[in-house]
């Protein structure tokens, strides 16, 4: 049976944030809000938690997870960022974007694209995520909470609890956060390539 925390979307309660981070550190799978939709997340180094998320979403080994980071400094630890990329990221983070970048050796191989050696990263604009990552001190492995057979993510925390109460360790109710997917920008090469136009404004990457 999963736990259910109601965390204030603008002023997250420190006590609940600490408890949520403790669950992540101990190998738990959590549902949490972002600036685009609810997501499933777990500790970056926990293969068993990752496998649980794959089972929930019915994902194969080729599906790429995203590293949800707190800031640009964390991104630079896990991805190769040159000056031009850094300038673009500085102007567009935090925000509803997923960036595809060349991975550094800090990224577990199971999270990389097997041929291109790339990794997806993002910095959501959400106070709950920011508080979680600040307390955790490292990124969270994450995927959008879209159940098998659905086209759109689950958006109601109470519905999420009903569907996943025996599959996850924690559901964080952070209010409504939408259902529109992030914009996905491939920045692994010299020129940014928009792979998916979503919630984030793609103009900075097409000028």
C-alpha atoms as a PDB file:
ATOM      1  CA  UNK A   1       0.000   0.000   0.000  1.00  0.00           C
ATOM      2  CA  UNK A   2       1.529   3.298  -1.079  1.00  0.00           C
ATOM      3  CA  UNK A   3       1.797   6.355   1.126  1.00  0.00           C
ATOM      4  CA  UNK A   4       0.003   9.529   0.068  1.00  0.00           C
ATOM      5  CA  UNK A   5       1.495  12.965   0.854  1.00  0.00           C
ATOM      6  CA  UNK A   6      -0.374  16.186   0.185  1.00  0.00           C
ATOM      7  CA  UNK A   7       2.448  18.673  -0.371  1.00  0.00           C
ATOM      8  CA  UNK A   8       1.779  22.379  -0.902  1.00  0.00           C
ATOM      9  CA  UNK A   9       2.590  23.246  -4.542  1.00  0.00           C
ATOM     10  CA  UNK A  10       4.147  26.623  -3.689  1.00  0.00           C
ATOM     11  CA  UNK A  11       5.495  26.100  -0.156  1.00  0.00           C
ATOM     12  CA  UNK A  12       6.415  22.421   0.215  1.00  0.00           C
ATOM     13  CA  UNK A  13       6.437  21.179   3.808  1.00  0.00           C
ATOM     14  CA  UNK A  14      10.042  20.349   4.735  1.00  0.00           C
ATOM     15  CA  UNK A  15       9.010  17.385   6.903  1.00  0.00           C
ATOM     16  CA  UNK A  16       7.146  15.692   4.058  1.00  0.00           C
ATOM     17  CA  UNK A  17       9.943  16.444   1.602  1.00  0.00           C
ATOM     18  CA  UNK A  18      12.457  14.738   3.917  1.00  0.00           C
ATOM     19  CA  UNK A  19      10.195  11.702   4.242  1.00  0.00           C
ATOM     20  CA  UNK A  20       9.758  11.510   0.460  1.00  0.00           C
ATOM     21  CA  UNK A  21      13.511  11.712  -0.107  1.00  0.00           C
ATOM     22  CA  UNK A  22      14.059   8.966   2.470  1.00  0.00           C
ATOM     23  CA  UNK A  23      11.676   6.738   0.504  1.00  0.00           C
ATOM     24  CA  UNK A  24      13.627   7.445  -2.715  1.00  0.00           C
ATOM     25  CA  UNK A  25      16.983   6.743  -1.035  1.00  0.00           C
ATOM     26  CA  UNK A  26      15.691   3.410   0.279  1.00  0.00           C
ATOM     27  CA  UNK A  27      14.774   2.219  -3.218  1.00  0.00           C
ATOM     28  CA  UNK A  28      11.191   3.431  -3.416  1.00  0.00           C
ATOM     29  CA  UNK A  29       9.267   4.366  -6.546  1.00  0.00           C
ATOM     30  CA  UNK A  30       7.420   7.667  -6.216  1.00  0.00           C
ATOM     31  CA  UNK A  31       4.826   9.598  -8.189  1.00  0.00           C
ATOM     32  CA  UNK A  32       5.503  13.320  -8.152  1.00  0.00           C
ATOM     33  CA  UNK A  33       4.317  16.473  -9.964  1.00  0.00           C
ATOM     34  CA  UNK A  34       6.390  18.417 -12.490  1.00  0.00           C
ATOM     35  CA  UNK A  35       5.733  21.495 -14.613  1.00  0.00           C
ATOM     36  CA  UNK A  36       4.206  19.400 -17.405  1.00  0.00           C
ATOM     37  CA  UNK A  37       2.615  16.275 -15.903  1.00  0.00           C
ATOM     38  CA  UNK A  38       2.931  13.764 -13.078  1.00  0.00           C
ATOM     39  CA  UNK A  39       5.966  11.485 -13.300  1.00  0.00           C
ATOM     40  CA  UNK A  40       7.329   8.238 -11.902  1.00  0.00           C
ATOM     41  CA  UNK A  41      10.739   8.574 -10.292  1.00  0.00           C
ATOM     42  CA  UNK A  42      13.390   6.648  -8.383  1.00  0.00           C
ATOM     43  CA  UNK A  43      16.994   6.841  -7.202  1.00  0.00           C
ATOM     44  CA  UNK A  44      19.561   7.158  -9.983  1.00  0.00           C
ATOM     45  CA  UNK A  45      21.549   4.140  -8.830  1.00  0.00           C
ATOM     46  CA  UNK A  46      18.708   1.738  -8.113  1.00  0.00           C
ATOM     47  CA  UNK A  47      18.263  -0.872 -10.845  1.00  0.00           C
ATOM     48  CA  UNK A  48      15.448  -2.730  -9.059  1.00  0.00           C
ATOM     49  CA  UNK A  49      13.404   0.477  -8.731  1.00  0.00           C
ATOM     50  CA  UNK A  50      14.074   1.216 -12.397  1.00  0.00           C
ATOM     51  CA  UNK A  51      12.842  -2.266 -13.304  1.00  0.00           C
ATOM     52  CA  UNK A  52       9.674  -1.677 -11.268  1.00  0.00           C
ATOM     53  CA  UNK A  53       8.965   1.482 -13.264  1.00  0.00           C
ATOM     54  CA  UNK A  54       9.519  -0.444 -16.494  1.00  0.00           C
ATOM     55  CA  UNK A  55       6.942  -3.013 -15.346  1.00  0.00           C
ATOM     56  CA  UNK A  56       4.403  -0.326 -14.378  1.00  0.00           C
ATOM     57  CA  UNK A  57       4.741   1.422 -17.744  1.00  0.00           C
ATOM     58  CA  UNK A  58       5.397  -1.835 -19.684  1.00  0.00           C
ATOM     59  CA  UNK A  59       8.556  -0.314 -21.169  1.00  0.00           C
ATOM     60  CA  UNK A  60      11.233  -2.289 -22.963  1.00  0.00           C
ATOM     61  CA  UNK A  61      14.974  -1.935 -22.416  1.00  0.00           C
ATOM     62  CA  UNK A  62      15.247   0.567 -25.282  1.00  0.00           C
ATOM     63  CA  UNK A  63      13.084   3.202 -23.602  1.00  0.00           C
ATOM     64  CA  UNK A  64      15.183   6.130 -22.407  1.00  0.00           C
ATOM     65  CA  UNK A  65      14.660   7.485 -18.921  1.00  0.00           C
ATOM     66  CA  UNK A  66      15.221  11.146 -18.127  1.00  0.00           C
ATOM     67  CA  UNK A  67      17.462  12.475 -15.401  1.00  0.00           C
ATOM     68  CA  UNK A  68      15.522  15.207 -13.615  1.00  0.00           C
ATOM     69  CA  UNK A  69      18.065  17.711 -12.330  1.00  0.00           C
ATOM     70  CA  UNK A  70      17.851  20.673  -9.995  1.00  0.00           C
ATOM     71  CA  UNK A  71      19.999  23.095 -11.989  1.00  0.00           C
ATOM     72  CA  UNK A  72      22.587  23.573 -14.720  1.00  0.00           C
ATOM     73  CA  UNK A  73      25.410  22.488 -12.419  1.00  0.00           C
ATOM     74  CA  UNK A  74      23.825  19.050 -12.080  1.00  0.00           C
ATOM     75  CA  UNK A  75      23.246  18.840 -15.828  1.00  0.00           C
ATOM     76  CA  UNK A  76      26.943  19.590 -16.431  1.00  0.00           C
ATOM     77  CA  UNK A  77      27.870  16.639 -14.191  1.00  0.00           C
ATOM     78  CA  UNK A  78      25.926  14.171 -16.303  1.00  0.00           C
ATOM     79  CA  UNK A  79      26.142  15.718 -19.790  1.00  0.00           C
ATOM     80  CA  UNK A  80      28.769  17.327 -21.979  1.00  0.00           C
ATOM     81  CA  UNK A  81      27.824  20.997 -22.255  1.00  0.00           C
ATOM     82  CA  UNK A  82      29.782  23.434 -24.423  1.00  0.00           C
ATOM     83  CA  UNK A  83      29.444  27.220 -24.279  1.00  0.00           C
ATOM     84  CA  UNK A  84      26.702  27.571 -26.899  1.00  0.00           C
ATOM     85  CA  UNK A  85      24.622  24.805 -25.316  1.00  0.00           C
ATOM     86  CA  UNK A  86      25.150  26.325 -21.881  1.00  0.00           C
ATOM     87  CA  UNK A  87      23.817  29.697 -23.042  1.00  0.00           C
ATOM     88  CA  UNK A  88      20.654  28.099 -24.429  1.00  0.00           C
ATOM     89  CA  UNK A  89      20.103  26.029 -21.304  1.00  0.00           C
ATOM     90  CA  UNK A  90      20.647  29.046 -19.076  1.00  0.00           C
ATOM     91  CA  UNK A  91      17.845  30.907 -20.852  1.00  0.00           C
ATOM     92  CA  UNK A  92      15.379  28.006 -20.932  1.00  0.00           C
ATOM     93  CA  UNK A  93      15.800  26.327 -17.542  1.00  0.00           C
ATOM     94  CA  UNK A  94      13.963  25.709 -15.377  1.00  0.00           C
ATOM     95  CA  UNK A  95      11.134  24.887 -17.755  1.00  0.00           C
ATOM     96  CA  UNK A  96       9.120  22.172 -19.541  1.00  0.00           C
ATOM     97  CA  UNK A  97      11.917  20.870 -21.756  1.00  0.00           C
ATOM     98  CA  UNK A  98      13.720  17.557 -22.111  1.00  0.00           C
ATOM     99  CA  UNK A  99      17.224  17.950 -23.525  1.00  0.00           C
ATOM    100  CA  UNK A 100      19.099  15.161 -25.280  1.00  0.00           C
ATOM    101  CA  UNK A 101      22.818  15.598 -24.625  1.00  0.00           C
ATOM    102  CA  UNK A 102      25.995  13.546 -24.865  1.00  0.00           C
ATOM    103  CA  UNK A 103      26.386  11.687 -21.586  1.00  0.00           C
ATOM    104  CA  UNK A 104      29.408  11.828 -19.305  1.00  0.00           C
ATOM    105  CA  UNK A 105      30.866   8.826 -17.511  1.00  0.00           C
ATOM    106  CA  UNK A 106      28.729   9.724 -14.470  1.00  0.00           C
ATOM    107  CA  UNK A 107      25.618   8.379 -16.195  1.00  0.00           C
ATOM    108  CA  UNK A 108      24.858   4.686 -15.589  1.00  0.00           C
ATOM    109  CA  UNK A 109      25.103   2.846 -18.911  1.00  0.00           C
ATOM    110  CA  UNK A 110      21.575   1.492 -18.554  1.00  0.00           C
ATOM    111  CA  UNK A 111      20.289   5.093 -18.838  1.00  0.00           C
ATOM    112  CA  UNK A 112      22.180   5.947 -22.034  1.00  0.00           C
ATOM    113  CA  UNK A 113      21.060   5.534 -25.608  1.00  0.00           C
ATOM    114  CA  UNK A 114      23.109   2.418 -26.478  1.00  0.00           C
ATOM    115  CA  UNK A 115      24.404   3.675 -29.843  1.00  0.00           C
ATOM    116  CA  UNK A 116      24.548   7.447 -29.494  1.00  0.00           C
ATOM    117  CA  UNK A 117      25.712   7.565 -25.833  1.00  0.00           C
ATOM    118  CA  UNK A 118      23.178  10.290 -25.111  1.00  0.00           C
ATOM    119  CA  UNK A 119      20.960  10.951 -22.116  1.00  0.00           C
ATOM    120  CA  UNK A 120      17.793  12.945 -21.566  1.00  0.00           C
ATOM    121  CA  UNK A 121      17.889  15.630 -18.877  1.00  0.00           C
ATOM    122  CA  UNK A 122      15.511  18.247 -17.606  1.00  0.00           C
ATOM    123  CA  UNK A 123      15.088  20.936 -14.944  1.00  0.00           C
ATOM    124  CA  UNK A 124      11.372  21.359 -14.164  1.00  0.00           C
ATOM    125  CA  UNK A 125       9.984  24.637 -12.859  1.00  0.00           C
ATOM    126  CA  UNK A 126       8.179  23.196  -9.851  1.00  0.00           C
ATOM    127  CA  UNK A 127       8.785  24.022  -6.172  1.00  0.00           C
ATOM    128  CA  UNK A 128       8.096  20.440  -5.026  1.00  0.00           C
ATOM    129  CA  UNK A 129      10.639  19.006  -7.469  1.00  0.00           C
ATOM    130  CA  UNK A 130      13.157  21.685  -6.503  1.00  0.00           C
ATOM    131  CA  UNK A 131      12.749  20.862  -2.799  1.00  0.00           C
ATOM    132  CA  UNK A 132      13.033  17.108  -3.419  1.00  0.00           C
ATOM    133  CA  UNK A 133      16.196  17.470  -5.482  1.00  0.00           C
ATOM    134  CA  UNK A 134      17.759  19.934  -3.042  1.00  0.00           C
ATOM    135  CA  UNK A 135      17.309  17.470  -0.190  1.00  0.00           C
ATOM    136  CA  UNK A 136      18.324  14.434  -2.258  1.00  0.00           C
ATOM    137  CA  UNK A 137      21.448  16.093  -3.667  1.00  0.00           C
ATOM    138  CA  UNK A 138      21.353  14.245  -6.985  1.00  0.00           C
ATOM    139  CA  UNK A 139      19.018  13.759  -9.953  1.00  0.00           C
ATOM    140  CA  UNK A 140      15.994  11.468 -10.037  1.00  0.00           C
ATOM    141  CA  UNK A 141      15.490   8.902 -12.789  1.00  0.00           C
ATOM    142  CA  UNK A 142      12.106   9.650 -14.260  1.00  0.00           C
ATOM    143  CA  UNK A 143       9.441   8.935 -16.870  1.00  0.00           C
ATOM    144  CA  UNK A 144       6.075  10.561 -17.470  1.00  0.00           C
ATOM    145  CA  UNK A 145       3.179   8.763 -15.784  1.00  0.00           C
ATOM    146  CA  UNK A 146       1.369   7.416 -18.836  1.00  0.00           C
ATOM    147  CA  UNK A 147      -0.168   4.023 -18.212  1.00  0.00           C
ATOM    148  CA  UNK A 148       0.013   1.255 -20.849  1.00  0.00           C
ATOM    149  CA  UNK A 149      -2.643   1.757 -23.513  1.00  0.00           C
ATOM    150  CA  UNK A 150      -3.236   5.411 -22.593  1.00  0.00           C
ATOM    151  CA  UNK A 151      -2.363   8.367 -24.800  1.00  0.00           C
ATOM    152  CA  UNK A 152      -2.318  10.952 -22.020  1.00  0.00           C
ATOM    153  CA  UNK A 153      -0.779  10.995 -18.525  1.00  0.00           C
ATOM    154  CA  UNK A 154      -2.796  10.553 -15.356  1.00  0.00           C
ATOM    155  CA  UNK A 155      -3.540  13.970 -13.826  1.00  0.00           C
ATOM    156  CA  UNK A 156      -5.588  13.427 -10.659  1.00  0.00           C
ATOM    157  CA  UNK A 157      -3.556  12.342  -7.598  1.00  0.00           C
ATOM    158  CA  UNK A 158      -6.524  10.429  -6.151  1.00  0.00           C
ATOM    159  CA  UNK A 159      -6.982   8.516  -9.412  1.00  0.00           C
ATOM    160  CA  UNK A 160      -3.236   7.852  -9.437  1.00  0.00           C
ATOM    161  CA  UNK A 161      -3.395   6.452  -5.909  1.00  0.00           C
ATOM    162  CA  UNK A 162      -6.308   4.199  -6.830  1.00  0.00           C
ATOM    163  CA  UNK A 163      -4.528   2.845  -9.902  1.00  0.00           C
ATOM    164  CA  UNK A 164      -1.034   2.492  -8.426  1.00  0.00           C
ATOM    165  CA  UNK A 165      -1.482   2.050  -4.675  1.00  0.00           C
ATOM    166  CA  UNK A 166       0.007  -1.448  -4.820  1.00  0.00           C
ATOM    167  CA  UNK A 167       2.684  -0.611  -7.400  1.00  0.00           C
ATOM    168  CA  UNK A 168       4.480   2.441  -5.977  1.00  0.00           C
ATOM    169  CA  UNK A 169       5.723   3.449  -2.530  1.00  0.00           C
ATOM    170  CA  UNK A 170       4.539   7.057  -2.513  1.00  0.00           C
ATOM    171  CA  UNK A 171       2.116   9.318  -4.375  1.00  0.00           C
ATOM    172  CA  UNK A 172       2.733  13.033  -3.892  1.00  0.00           C
ATOM    173  CA  UNK A 173      -0.381  15.136  -4.348  1.00  0.00           C
ATOM    174  CA  UNK A 174       0.962  18.470  -5.576  1.00  0.00           C
ATOM    175  CA  UNK A 175      -2.227  19.694  -7.191  1.00  0.00           C
ATOM    176  CA  UNK A 176      -2.991  19.941 -10.890  1.00  0.00           C
ATOM    177  CA  UNK A 177       0.106  20.227 -13.059  1.00  0.00           C
ATOM    178  CA  UNK A 178      -1.301  19.630 -16.549  1.00  0.00           C
ATOM    179  CA  UNK A 179      -0.933  16.873 -19.100  1.00  0.00           C
ATOM    180  CA  UNK A 180       0.989  18.486 -21.949  1.00  0.00           C
ATOM    181  CA  UNK A 181       4.295  16.795 -22.719  1.00  0.00           C
ATOM    182  CA  UNK A 182       7.613  18.602 -22.592  1.00  0.00           C
ATOM    183  CA  UNK A 183       9.310  19.879 -25.713  1.00  0.00           C
ATOM    184  CA  UNK A 184      12.195  17.547 -26.567  1.00  0.00           C
ATOM    185  CA  UNK A 185      15.343  19.185 -27.923  1.00  0.00           C
ATOM    186  CA  UNK A 186      18.300  17.184 -29.257  1.00  0.00           C
ATOM    187  CA  UNK A 187      21.399  19.192 -28.397  1.00  0.00           C
ATOM    188  CA  UNK A 188      23.969  16.450 -28.885  1.00  0.00           C
ATOM    189  CA  UNK A 189      25.265  18.077 -32.071  1.00  0.00           C
ATOM    190  CA  UNK A 190      26.211  21.561 -33.284  1.00  0.00           C
ATOM    191  CA  UNK A 191      22.670  22.629 -34.197  1.00  0.00           C
ATOM    192  CA  UNK A 192      19.676  22.045 -31.866  1.00  0.00           C
ATOM    193  CA  UNK A 193      17.013  19.767 -33.320  1.00  0.00           C
ATOM    194  CA  UNK A 194      13.428  19.901 -32.077  1.00  0.00           C
ATOM    195  CA  UNK A 195      12.273  16.293 -31.767  1.00  0.00           C
ATOM    196  CA  UNK A 196       8.917  17.159 -30.191  1.00  0.00           C
ATOM    197  CA  UNK A 197       7.139  20.489 -29.827  1.00  0.00           C
ATOM    198  CA  UNK A 198       5.369  20.426 -26.477  1.00  0.00           C
ATOM    199  CA  UNK A 199       4.678  22.768 -23.600  1.00  0.00           C
ATOM    200  CA  UNK A 200       8.003  24.604 -23.762  1.00  0.00           C
ATOM    201  CA  UNK A 201       8.451  27.394 -26.329  1.00  0.00           C
ATOM    202  CA  UNK A 202      10.683  26.037 -29.115  1.00  0.00           C
ATOM    203  CA  UNK A 203      11.547  29.478 -30.584  1.00  0.00           C
ATOM    204  CA  UNK A 204      14.931  29.715 -28.791  1.00  0.00           C
ATOM    205  CA  UNK A 205      16.035  26.521 -30.557  1.00  0.00           C
ATOM    206  CA  UNK A 206      14.860  27.371 -34.065  1.00  0.00           C
ATOM    207  CA  UNK A 207      16.225  30.912 -34.553  1.00  0.00           C
END
